[in-house]
Amino acid sequence: MFGRRKDVVYKVLSTKKRAVALHKLSAELETPAPALLKTVKELESEGLVEVFYGVDKASIMVRAKTLEDYFGSEV
């Protein structure tokens, strides 16, 4: 079941063209933020997403890495 959760989170992030706040993603997926953060951290360790801290109110931002990130604008 956990593998499917990671797939769903990555698919949602990859359809967005920019970074999203963790709390907004949590509300969209109707998933508690701590559980979502754990999933996002595992995706980060696999090199699939980028996690960074936003400027506003120390928010945690998440962005999916895509093929364009790896190959530049050649794709």
C-alpha atoms as a PDB file:
ATOM      1  CA  MET A   1       0.000   0.000   0.000  1.00  0.00           C
ATOM      2  CA  PHE A   2       2.820   2.417   0.834  1.00  0.00           C
ATOM      3  CA  GLY A   3       4.304   2.139  -2.652  1.00  0.00           C
ATOM      4  CA  ARG A   4       1.015   3.270  -4.128  1.00  0.00           C
ATOM      5  CA  ARG A   5       0.977   6.300  -1.843  1.00  0.00           C
ATOM      6  CA  LYS A   6       4.415   7.301  -3.097  1.00  0.00           C
ATOM      7  CA  ASP A   7       3.234   6.860  -6.688  1.00  0.00           C
ATOM      8  CA  VAL A   8       0.177   9.032  -6.112  1.00  0.00           C
ATOM      9  CA  VAL A   9       2.169  11.785  -4.413  1.00  0.00           C
ATOM     10  CA  TYR A  10       4.772  11.816  -7.187  1.00  0.00           C
ATOM     11  CA  LYS A  11       2.139  11.855  -9.939  1.00  0.00           C
ATOM     12  CA  VAL A  12       0.338  14.793  -8.343  1.00  0.00           C
ATOM     13  CA  LEU A  13       3.596  16.697  -7.930  1.00  0.00           C
ATOM     14  CA  SER A  14       4.806  15.943 -11.444  1.00  0.00           C
ATOM     15  CA  THR A  15       1.616  17.315 -13.004  1.00  0.00           C
ATOM     16  CA  LYS A  16       2.241  20.635 -11.282  1.00  0.00           C
ATOM     17  CA  LYS A  17       4.812  22.773 -13.073  1.00  0.00           C
ATOM     18  CA  ARG A  18       6.162  24.433  -9.938  1.00  0.00           C
ATOM     19  CA  ALA A  19       6.742  23.889  -6.265  1.00  0.00           C
ATOM     20  CA  VAL A  20       3.815  23.621  -3.880  1.00  0.00           C
ATOM     21  CA  ALA A  21       3.607  24.116  -0.139  1.00  0.00           C
ATOM     22  CA  LEU A  22       3.419  20.919   1.865  1.00  0.00           C
ATOM     23  CA  HIS A  23       0.317  22.073   3.760  1.00  0.00           C
ATOM     24  CA  LYS A  24      -1.540  22.803   0.481  1.00  0.00           C
ATOM     25  CA  LEU A  25      -0.543  19.413  -0.912  1.00  0.00           C
ATOM     26  CA  SER A  26      -1.676  17.826   2.337  1.00  0.00           C
ATOM     27  CA  ALA A  27      -5.098  19.455   2.013  1.00  0.00           C
ATOM     28  CA  GLU A  28      -5.387  18.476  -1.665  1.00  0.00           C
ATOM     29  CA  LEU A  29      -4.564  14.832  -0.970  1.00  0.00           C
ATOM     30  CA  GLU A  30      -6.540  14.799   2.290  1.00  0.00           C
ATOM     31  CA  THR A  31      -3.527  13.340   4.074  1.00  0.00           C
ATOM     32  CA  PRO A  32      -2.064  14.462   7.418  1.00  0.00           C
ATOM     33  CA  ALA A  33       1.029  16.619   6.908  1.00  0.00           C
ATOM     34  CA  PRO A  34       3.373  14.443   9.044  1.00  0.00           C
ATOM     35  CA  ALA A  35       2.533  11.319   7.023  1.00  0.00           C
ATOM     36  CA  LEU A  36       2.897  13.234   3.770  1.00  0.00           C
ATOM     37  CA  LEU A  37       6.246  14.673   4.864  1.00  0.00           C
ATOM     38  CA  LYS A  38       7.512  11.153   5.565  1.00  0.00           C
ATOM     39  CA  THR A  39       6.451  10.069   2.059  1.00  0.00           C
ATOM     40  CA  VAL A  40       7.998  13.159   0.477  1.00  0.00           C
ATOM     41  CA  LYS A  41      11.282  12.581   2.337  1.00  0.00           C
ATOM     42  CA  GLU A  42      11.411   9.031   0.968  1.00  0.00           C
ATOM     43  CA  LEU A  43      10.795  10.341  -2.551  1.00  0.00           C
ATOM     44  CA  GLU A  44      13.568  12.874  -1.961  1.00  0.00           C
ATOM     45  CA  SER A  45      15.986  10.139  -0.944  1.00  0.00           C
ATOM     46  CA  GLU A  46      15.151   8.374  -4.218  1.00  0.00           C
ATOM     47  CA  GLY A  47      15.949  11.586  -6.106  1.00  0.00           C
ATOM     48  CA  LEU A  48      12.417  12.101  -7.418  1.00  0.00           C
ATOM     49  CA  VAL A  49      11.458  15.292  -5.604  1.00  0.00           C
ATOM     50  CA  GLU A  50      13.161  18.377  -4.255  1.00  0.00           C
ATOM     51  CA  VAL A  51      12.278  19.630  -0.780  1.00  0.00           C
ATOM     52  CA  PHE A  52      13.211  23.159   0.259  1.00  0.00           C
ATOM     53  CA  TYR A  53      12.053  25.851   2.615  1.00  0.00           C
ATOM     54  CA  GLY A  54       9.955  28.710   1.319  1.00  0.00           C
ATOM     55  CA  VAL A  55      10.356  32.348   2.226  1.00  0.00           C
ATOM     56  CA  ASP A  56       6.879  32.890   3.643  1.00  0.00           C
ATOM     57  CA  LYS A  57       6.383  31.718   7.219  1.00  0.00           C
ATOM     58  CA  ALA A  58       9.037  29.003   6.930  1.00  0.00           C
ATOM     59  CA  SER A  59       6.829  26.821   4.767  1.00  0.00           C
ATOM     60  CA  ILE A  60       8.116  23.540   3.377  1.00  0.00           C
ATOM     61  CA  MET A  61       7.978  23.506  -0.419  1.00  0.00           C
ATOM     62  CA  VAL A  62       8.032  20.399  -2.621  1.00  0.00           C
ATOM     63  CA  ARG A  63       8.716  20.083  -6.343  1.00  0.00           C
ATOM     64  CA  ALA A  64       8.910  16.954  -8.475  1.00  0.00           C
ATOM     65  CA  LYS A  65      12.040  16.452 -10.497  1.00  0.00           C
ATOM     66  CA  THR A  66      11.258  15.699 -14.120  1.00  0.00           C
ATOM     67  CA  LEU A  67      13.240  14.488 -17.110  1.00  0.00           C
ATOM     68  CA  GLU A  68      13.867  18.120 -18.025  1.00  0.00           C
ATOM     69  CA  ASP A  69      15.757  18.526 -14.750  1.00  0.00           C
ATOM     70  CA  TYR A  70      18.062  15.668 -15.670  1.00  0.00           C
ATOM     71  CA  PHE A  71      18.498  16.384 -19.384  1.00  0.00           C
ATOM     72  CA  GLY A  72      18.018  20.156 -19.506  1.00  0.00           C
ATOM     73  CA  SER A  73      15.873  21.642 -22.252  1.00  0.00           C
ATOM     74  CA  GLU A  74      16.817  18.907 -24.743  1.00  0.00           C
ATOM     75  CA  VAL A  75      13.688  16.892 -23.918  1.00  0.00           C
END
